[in-house]
Amino acid sequence: MKHVAIPDQLPETWGIHDVFHASLLTPYKETDEHGTNFLEPPPELIEGEEEWEVEQILGNATSAEERSRNTS
């Protein structure tokens, strides 16, 4: 693959090609119109350490390949 082609991991259900030419990509910028994205709740401070409460486990990965696919 050439250095100007950027592969991406997209869901197969999207039905689009998963490699994009670098000239078609632009840096992400938040706008006032859309507001902030991917807000995380603030952590709880427990004995001076930041902790978050897990509300739901969506699945598990048993192999390195599955773990990398689930964290991409």
PDB file of N, CA and C in Angstrom:
ATOM      1  N   MET A   1       0.848  -1.167   0.000  1.00  0.00           N
ATOM      2  CA  MET A   1       0.000   0.000   0.000  1.00  0.00           C
ATOM      3  C   MET A   1       0.901   1.241   0.000  1.00  0.00           C
ATOM      4  N   LYS A   2       0.588   2.187  -0.810  1.00  0.00           N
ATOM      5  CA  LYS A   2       1.389   3.405  -0.886  1.00  0.00           C
ATOM      6  C   LYS A   2       1.180   4.269   0.348  1.00  0.00           C
ATOM      7  N   HIS A   3       2.148   5.169   0.604  1.00  0.00           N
ATOM      8  CA  HIS A   3       2.078   6.016   1.791  1.00  0.00           C
ATOM      9  C   HIS A   3       0.964   7.060   1.733  1.00  0.00           C
ATOM     10  N   VAL A   4       0.309   7.229   0.596  1.00  0.00           N
ATOM     11  CA  VAL A   4      -0.793   8.194   0.509  1.00  0.00           C
ATOM     12  C   VAL A   4      -2.150   7.526   0.693  1.00  0.00           C
ATOM     13  N   ALA A   5      -2.181   6.202   0.845  1.00  0.00           N
ATOM     14  CA  ALA A   5      -3.428   5.482   1.076  1.00  0.00           C
ATOM     15  C   ALA A   5      -3.524   5.156   2.565  1.00  0.00           C
ATOM     16  N   ILE A   6      -4.613   5.539   3.177  1.00  0.00           N
ATOM     17  CA  ILE A   6      -4.804   5.363   4.610  1.00  0.00           C
ATOM     18  C   ILE A   6      -5.864   4.283   4.834  1.00  0.00           C
ATOM     19  N   PRO A   7      -5.476   3.123   5.414  1.00  0.00           N
ATOM     20  CA  PRO A   7      -6.498   2.106   5.711  1.00  0.00           C
ATOM     21  C   PRO A   7      -7.250   2.480   6.978  1.00  0.00           C
ATOM     22  N   ASP A   8      -8.491   2.102   7.055  1.00  0.00           N
ATOM     23  CA  ASP A   8      -9.303   2.365   8.239  1.00  0.00           C
ATOM     24  C   ASP A   8     -10.110   1.112   8.529  1.00  0.00           C
ATOM     25  N   GLN A   9     -10.457   0.906   9.769  1.00  0.00           N
ATOM     26  CA  GLN A   9     -11.287  -0.236  10.124  1.00  0.00           C
ATOM     27  C   GLN A   9     -12.721   0.244  10.253  1.00  0.00           C
ATOM     28  N   LEU A  10     -13.514  -0.069   9.257  1.00  0.00           N
ATOM     29  CA  LEU A  10     -14.913   0.335   9.241  1.00  0.00           C
ATOM     30  C   LEU A  10     -15.790  -0.907   9.326  1.00  0.00           C
ATOM     31  N   PRO A  11     -16.969  -0.795   9.894  1.00  0.00           N
ATOM     32  CA  PRO A  11     -17.875  -1.940   9.926  1.00  0.00           C
ATOM     33  C   PRO A  11     -18.230  -2.384   8.508  1.00  0.00           C
ATOM     34  N   GLU A  12     -18.247  -3.691   8.286  1.00  0.00           N
ATOM     35  CA  GLU A  12     -18.597  -4.210   6.963  1.00  0.00           C
ATOM     36  C   GLU A  12     -20.000  -3.793   6.555  1.00  0.00           C
ATOM     37  N   THR A  13     -20.871  -3.585   7.541  1.00  0.00           N
ATOM     38  CA  THR A  13     -22.254  -3.211   7.236  1.00  0.00           C
ATOM     39  C   THR A  13     -22.359  -1.837   6.579  1.00  0.00           C
ATOM     40  N   TRP A  14     -21.298  -1.013   6.692  1.00  0.00           N
ATOM     41  CA  TRP A  14     -21.323   0.293   6.045  1.00  0.00           C
ATOM     42  C   TRP A  14     -21.270   0.166   4.532  1.00  0.00           C
ATOM     43  N   GLY A  15     -20.694  -0.918   4.043  1.00  0.00           N
ATOM     44  CA  GLY A  15     -20.664  -1.171   2.603  1.00  0.00           C
ATOM     45  C   GLY A  15     -19.845  -0.177   1.797  1.00  0.00           C
ATOM     46  N   ILE A  16     -18.806   0.425   2.410  1.00  0.00           N
ATOM     47  CA  ILE A  16     -17.944   1.329   1.653  1.00  0.00           C
ATOM     48  C   ILE A  16     -16.505   0.854   1.741  1.00  0.00           C
ATOM     49  N   HIS A  17     -15.702   1.293   0.805  1.00  0.00           N
ATOM     50  CA  HIS A  17     -14.299   0.919   0.745  1.00  0.00           C
ATOM     51  C   HIS A  17     -13.567   1.453   1.974  1.00  0.00           C
ATOM     52  N   ASP A  18     -12.657   0.653   2.538  1.00  0.00           N
ATOM     53  CA  ASP A  18     -12.035   1.036   3.799  1.00  0.00           C
ATOM     54  C   ASP A  18     -10.626   1.621   3.669  1.00  0.00           C
ATOM     55  N   VAL A  19     -10.261   2.072   2.464  1.00  0.00           N
ATOM     56  CA  VAL A  19      -8.967   2.732   2.269  1.00  0.00           C
ATOM     57  C   VAL A  19      -9.244   4.074   1.600  1.00  0.00           C
ATOM     58  N   PHE A  20      -8.643   5.129   2.153  1.00  0.00           N
ATOM     59  CA  PHE A  20      -8.886   6.475   1.655  1.00  0.00           C
ATOM     60  C   PHE A  20      -7.578   7.111   1.234  1.00  0.00           C
ATOM     61  N   HIS A  21      -7.599   7.914   0.181  1.00  0.00           N
ATOM     62  CA  HIS A  21      -6.428   8.665  -0.230  1.00  0.00           C
ATOM     63  C   HIS A  21      -6.209   9.807   0.761  1.00  0.00           C
ATOM     64  N   ALA A  22      -4.976  10.037   1.145  1.00  0.00           N
ATOM     65  CA  ALA A  22      -4.648  11.040   2.157  1.00  0.00           C
ATOM     66  C   ALA A  22      -5.182  12.422   1.801  1.00  0.00           C
ATOM     67  N   SER A  23      -5.279  12.744   0.535  1.00  0.00           N
ATOM     68  CA  SER A  23      -5.754  14.076   0.141  1.00  0.00           C
ATOM     69  C   SER A  23      -7.240  14.285   0.470  1.00  0.00           C
ATOM     70  N   LEU A  24      -7.978  13.191   0.733  1.00  0.00           N
ATOM     71  CA  LEU A  24      -9.399  13.307   1.053  1.00  0.00           C
ATOM     72  C   LEU A  24      -9.659  13.466   2.542  1.00  0.00           C
ATOM     73  N   LEU A  25      -8.625  13.334   3.361  1.00  0.00           N
ATOM     74  CA  LEU A  25      -8.797  13.399   4.806  1.00  0.00           C
ATOM     75  C   LEU A  25      -8.367  14.755   5.344  1.00  0.00           C
ATOM     76  N   THR A  26      -9.098  15.244   6.330  1.00  0.00           N
ATOM     77  CA  THR A  26      -8.743  16.497   6.988  1.00  0.00           C
ATOM     78  C   THR A  26      -8.759  16.270   8.494  1.00  0.00           C
ATOM     79  N   PRO A  27      -8.014  17.061   9.237  1.00  0.00           N
ATOM     80  CA  PRO A  27      -8.016  16.900  10.701  1.00  0.00           C
ATOM     81  C   PRO A  27      -9.398  17.192  11.274  1.00  0.00           C
ATOM     82  N   TYR A  28      -9.745  16.472  12.331  1.00  0.00           N
ATOM     83  CA  TYR A  28     -11.021  16.680  13.007  1.00  0.00           C
ATOM     84  C   TYR A  28     -10.973  17.972  13.804  1.00  0.00           C
ATOM     85  N   LYS A  29     -12.041  18.756  13.722  1.00  0.00           N
ATOM     86  CA  LYS A  29     -12.172  19.981  14.500  1.00  0.00           C
ATOM     87  C   LYS A  29     -13.583  20.054  15.046  1.00  0.00           C
ATOM     88  N   GLU A  30     -13.694  20.241  16.364  1.00  0.00           N
ATOM     89  CA  GLU A  30     -15.019  20.437  16.954  1.00  0.00           C
ATOM     90  C   GLU A  30     -15.536  21.809  16.549  1.00  0.00           C
ATOM     91  N   THR A  31     -16.841  21.910  16.372  1.00  0.00           N
ATOM     92  CA  THR A  31     -17.452  23.191  16.037  1.00  0.00           C
ATOM     93  C   THR A  31     -18.507  23.522  17.081  1.00  0.00           C
ATOM     94  N   ASP A  32     -18.862  24.793  17.183  1.00  0.00           N
ATOM     95  CA  ASP A  32     -19.922  25.206  18.095  1.00  0.00           C
ATOM     96  C   ASP A  32     -21.260  24.598  17.688  1.00  0.00           C
ATOM     97  N   GLU A  33     -21.448  24.376  16.381  1.00  0.00           N
ATOM     98  CA  GLU A  33     -22.706  23.831  15.894  1.00  0.00           C
ATOM     99  C   GLU A  33     -22.961  22.425  16.410  1.00  0.00           C
ATOM    100  N   HIS A  34     -21.907  21.607  16.466  1.00  0.00           N
ATOM    101  CA  HIS A  34     -22.063  20.213  16.888  1.00  0.00           C
ATOM    102  C   HIS A  34     -21.716  19.995  18.353  1.00  0.00           C
ATOM    103  N   GLY A  35     -21.009  20.918  18.951  1.00  0.00           N
ATOM    104  CA  GLY A  35     -20.621  20.765  20.349  1.00  0.00           C
ATOM    105  C   GLY A  35     -19.509  19.750  20.520  1.00  0.00           C
ATOM    106  N   THR A  36     -19.201  19.455  21.776  1.00  0.00           N
ATOM    107  CA  THR A  36     -18.132  18.502  22.043  1.00  0.00           C
ATOM    108  C   THR A  36     -18.627  17.081  21.819  1.00  0.00           C
ATOM    109  N   ASN A  37     -17.711  16.219  21.483  1.00  0.00           N
ATOM    110  CA  ASN A  37     -18.033  14.830  21.196  1.00  0.00           C
ATOM    111  C   ASN A  37     -17.317  13.907  22.168  1.00  0.00           C
ATOM    112  N   PHE A  38     -17.874  12.732  22.337  1.00  0.00           N
ATOM    113  CA  PHE A  38     -17.263  11.672  23.129  1.00  0.00           C
ATOM    114  C   PHE A  38     -16.913  12.155  24.534  1.00  0.00           C
ATOM    115  N   LEU A  39     -17.868  12.778  25.185  1.00  0.00           N
ATOM    116  CA  LEU A  39     -17.636  13.230  26.543  1.00  0.00           C
ATOM    117  C   LEU A  39     -17.527  12.030  27.474  1.00  0.00           C
ATOM    118  N   GLU A  40     -16.564  12.074  28.336  1.00  0.00           N
ATOM    119  CA  GLU A  40     -16.423  11.040  29.347  1.00  0.00           C
ATOM    120  C   GLU A  40     -16.867  11.614  30.684  1.00  0.00           C
ATOM    121  N   PRO A  41     -17.508  10.791  31.499  1.00  0.00           N
ATOM    122  CA  PRO A  41     -17.863  11.295  32.823  1.00  0.00           C
ATOM    123  C   PRO A  41     -16.602  11.529  33.633  1.00  0.00           C
ATOM    124  N   PRO A  42     -16.638  12.463  34.549  1.00  0.00           N
ATOM    125  CA  PRO A  42     -15.445  12.691  35.366  1.00  0.00           C
ATOM    126  C   PRO A  42     -15.198  11.487  36.267  1.00  0.00           C
ATOM    127  N   PRO A  43     -13.942  11.212  36.554  1.00  0.00           N
ATOM    128  CA  PRO A  43     -13.645  10.064  37.417  1.00  0.00           C
ATOM    129  C   PRO A  43     -13.966  10.369  38.875  1.00  0.00           C
ATOM    130  N   GLU A  44     -14.212   9.320  39.631  1.00  0.00           N
ATOM    131  CA  GLU A  44     -14.330   9.431  41.082  1.00  0.00           C
ATOM    132  C   GLU A  44     -12.923   9.364  41.646  1.00  0.00           C
ATOM    133  N   LEU A  45     -12.628  10.137  42.672  1.00  0.00           N
ATOM    134  CA  LEU A  45     -11.334  10.038  43.335  1.00  0.00           C
ATOM    135  C   LEU A  45     -11.490   9.116  44.537  1.00  0.00           C
ATOM    136  N   ILE A  46     -10.879   7.940  44.456  1.00  0.00           N
ATOM    137  CA  ILE A  46     -10.921   6.953  45.524  1.00  0.00           C
ATOM    138  C   ILE A  46      -9.502   6.791  46.060  1.00  0.00           C
ATOM    139  N   GLU A  47      -9.286   7.197  47.276  1.00  0.00           N
ATOM    140  CA  GLU A  47      -7.967   7.144  47.908  1.00  0.00           C
ATOM    141  C   GLU A  47      -6.901   7.797  47.023  1.00  0.00           C
ATOM    142  N   GLY A  48      -7.263   8.924  46.417  1.00  0.00           N
ATOM    143  CA  GLY A  48      -6.334   9.682  45.593  1.00  0.00           C
ATOM    144  C   GLY A  48      -6.149   9.155  44.188  1.00  0.00           C
ATOM    145  N   GLU A  49      -6.839   8.077  43.817  1.00  0.00           N
ATOM    146  CA  GLU A  49      -6.734   7.487  42.476  1.00  0.00           C
ATOM    147  C   GLU A  49      -8.024   7.734  41.703  1.00  0.00           C
ATOM    148  N   GLU A  50      -7.898   8.000  40.400  1.00  0.00           N
ATOM    149  CA  GLU A  50      -9.069   8.183  39.557  1.00  0.00           C
ATOM    150  C   GLU A  50      -9.683   6.820  39.240  1.00  0.00           C
ATOM    151  N   GLU A  51     -10.995   6.709  39.412  1.00  0.00           N
ATOM    152  CA  GLU A  51     -11.700   5.473  39.097  1.00  0.00           C
ATOM    153  C   GLU A  51     -13.019   5.810  38.418  1.00  0.00           C
ATOM    154  N   TRP A  52     -13.450   4.910  37.532  1.00  0.00           N
ATOM    155  CA  TRP A  52     -14.726   5.034  36.850  1.00  0.00           C
ATOM    156  C   TRP A  52     -15.569   3.819  37.173  1.00  0.00           C
ATOM    157  N   GLU A  53     -16.869   3.998  37.252  1.00  0.00           N
ATOM    158  CA  GLU A  53     -17.773   2.878  37.498  1.00  0.00           C
ATOM    159  C   GLU A  53     -18.176   2.255  36.166  1.00  0.00           C
ATOM    160  N   VAL A  54     -18.085   0.943  36.088  1.00  0.00           N
ATOM    161  CA  VAL A  54     -18.495   0.214  34.886  1.00  0.00           C
ATOM    162  C   VAL A  54     -19.988  -0.053  34.990  1.00  0.00           C
ATOM    163  N   GLU A  55     -20.754   0.413  34.017  1.00  0.00           N
ATOM    164  CA  GLU A  55     -22.196   0.213  34.034  1.00  0.00           C
ATOM    165  C   GLU A  55     -22.599  -1.065  33.322  1.00  0.00           C
ATOM    166  N   GLN A  56     -21.858  -1.421  32.252  1.00  0.00           N
ATOM    167  CA  GLN A  56     -22.250  -2.578  31.466  1.00  0.00           C
ATOM    168  C   GLN A  56     -21.030  -3.122  30.742  1.00  0.00           C
ATOM    169  N   ILE A  57     -20.895  -4.438  30.707  1.00  0.00           N
ATOM    170  CA  ILE A  57     -19.856  -5.093  29.910  1.00  0.00           C
ATOM    171  C   ILE A  57     -20.519  -5.540  28.620  1.00  0.00           C
ATOM    172  N   LEU A  58     -20.009  -5.049  27.503  1.00  0.00           N
ATOM    173  CA  LEU A  58     -20.645  -5.318  26.215  1.00  0.00           C
ATOM    174  C   LEU A  58     -20.209  -6.626  25.593  1.00  0.00           C
ATOM    175  N   GLY A  59     -19.083  -7.163  26.009  1.00  0.00           N
ATOM    176  CA  GLY A  59     -18.597  -8.416  25.441  1.00  0.00           C
ATOM    177  C   GLY A  59     -17.225  -8.709  25.999  1.00  0.00           C
ATOM    178  N   ASN A  60     -16.626  -9.783  25.516  1.00  0.00           N
ATOM    179  CA  ASN A  60     -15.272 -10.090  25.940  1.00  0.00           C
ATOM    180  C   ASN A  60     -14.467 -10.602  24.754  1.00  0.00           C
ATOM    181  N   ALA A  61     -13.165 -10.486  24.868  1.00  0.00           N
ATOM    182  CA  ALA A  61     -12.267 -10.935  23.811  1.00  0.00           C
ATOM    183  C   ALA A  61     -11.333 -11.977  24.410  1.00  0.00           C
ATOM    184  N   THR A  62     -11.195 -13.086  23.719  1.00  0.00           N
ATOM    185  CA  THR A  62     -10.363 -14.159  24.247  1.00  0.00           C
ATOM    186  C   THR A  62      -9.037 -14.287  23.530  1.00  0.00           C
ATOM    187  N   SER A  63      -8.873 -13.611  22.397  1.00  0.00           N
ATOM    188  CA  SER A  63      -7.606 -13.694  21.677  1.00  0.00           C
ATOM    189  C   SER A  63      -7.048 -12.291  21.451  1.00  0.00           C
ATOM    190  N   ALA A  64      -5.757 -12.212  21.159  1.00  0.00           N
ATOM    191  CA  ALA A  64      -5.127 -10.911  20.906  1.00  0.00           C
ATOM    192  C   ALA A  64      -5.775 -10.231  19.714  1.00  0.00           C
ATOM    193  N   GLU A  65      -6.134 -10.995  18.696  1.00  0.00           N
ATOM    194  CA  GLU A  65      -6.774 -10.418  17.499  1.00  0.00           C
ATOM    195  C   GLU A  65      -8.126  -9.795  17.862  1.00  0.00           C
ATOM    196  N   GLU A  66      -8.917 -10.495  18.646  1.00  0.00           N
ATOM    197  CA  GLU A  66     -10.201  -9.943  19.065  1.00  0.00           C
ATOM    198  C   GLU A  66     -10.030  -8.701  19.917  1.00  0.00           C
ATOM    199  N   ARG A  67      -9.042  -8.715  20.819  1.00  0.00           N
ATOM    200  CA  ARG A  67      -8.823  -7.543  21.676  1.00  0.00           C
ATOM    201  C   ARG A  67      -8.440  -6.334  20.838  1.00  0.00           C
ATOM    202  N   SER A  68      -7.564  -6.507  19.836  1.00  0.00           N
ATOM    203  CA  SER A  68      -7.160  -5.374  19.014  1.00  0.00           C
ATOM    204  C   SER A  68      -8.319  -4.869  18.178  1.00  0.00           C
ATOM    205  N   ARG A  69      -9.173  -5.757  17.725  1.00  0.00           N
ATOM    206  CA  ARG A  69     -10.329  -5.355  16.926  1.00  0.00           C
ATOM    207  C   ARG A  69     -11.335  -4.598  17.786  1.00  0.00           C
ATOM    208  N   ASN A  70     -11.479  -4.972  19.059  1.00  0.00           N
ATOM    209  CA  ASN A  70     -12.449  -4.324  19.940  1.00  0.00           C
ATOM    210  C   ASN A  70     -11.970  -2.990  20.470  1.00  0.00           C
ATOM    211  N   THR A  71     -10.695  -2.674  20.378  1.00  0.00           N
ATOM    212  CA  THR A  71     -10.177  -1.412  20.911  1.00  0.00           C
ATOM    213  C   THR A  71      -9.793  -0.434  19.825  1.00  0.00           C
ATOM    214  N   SER A  72     -10.064  -0.749  18.590  1.00  0.00           N
ATOM    215  CA  SER A  72      -9.688   0.136  17.475  1.00  0.00           C
ATOM    216  C   SER A  72     -10.682   1.245  17.318  1.00  0.00           C
TER     217      SER A  72
END
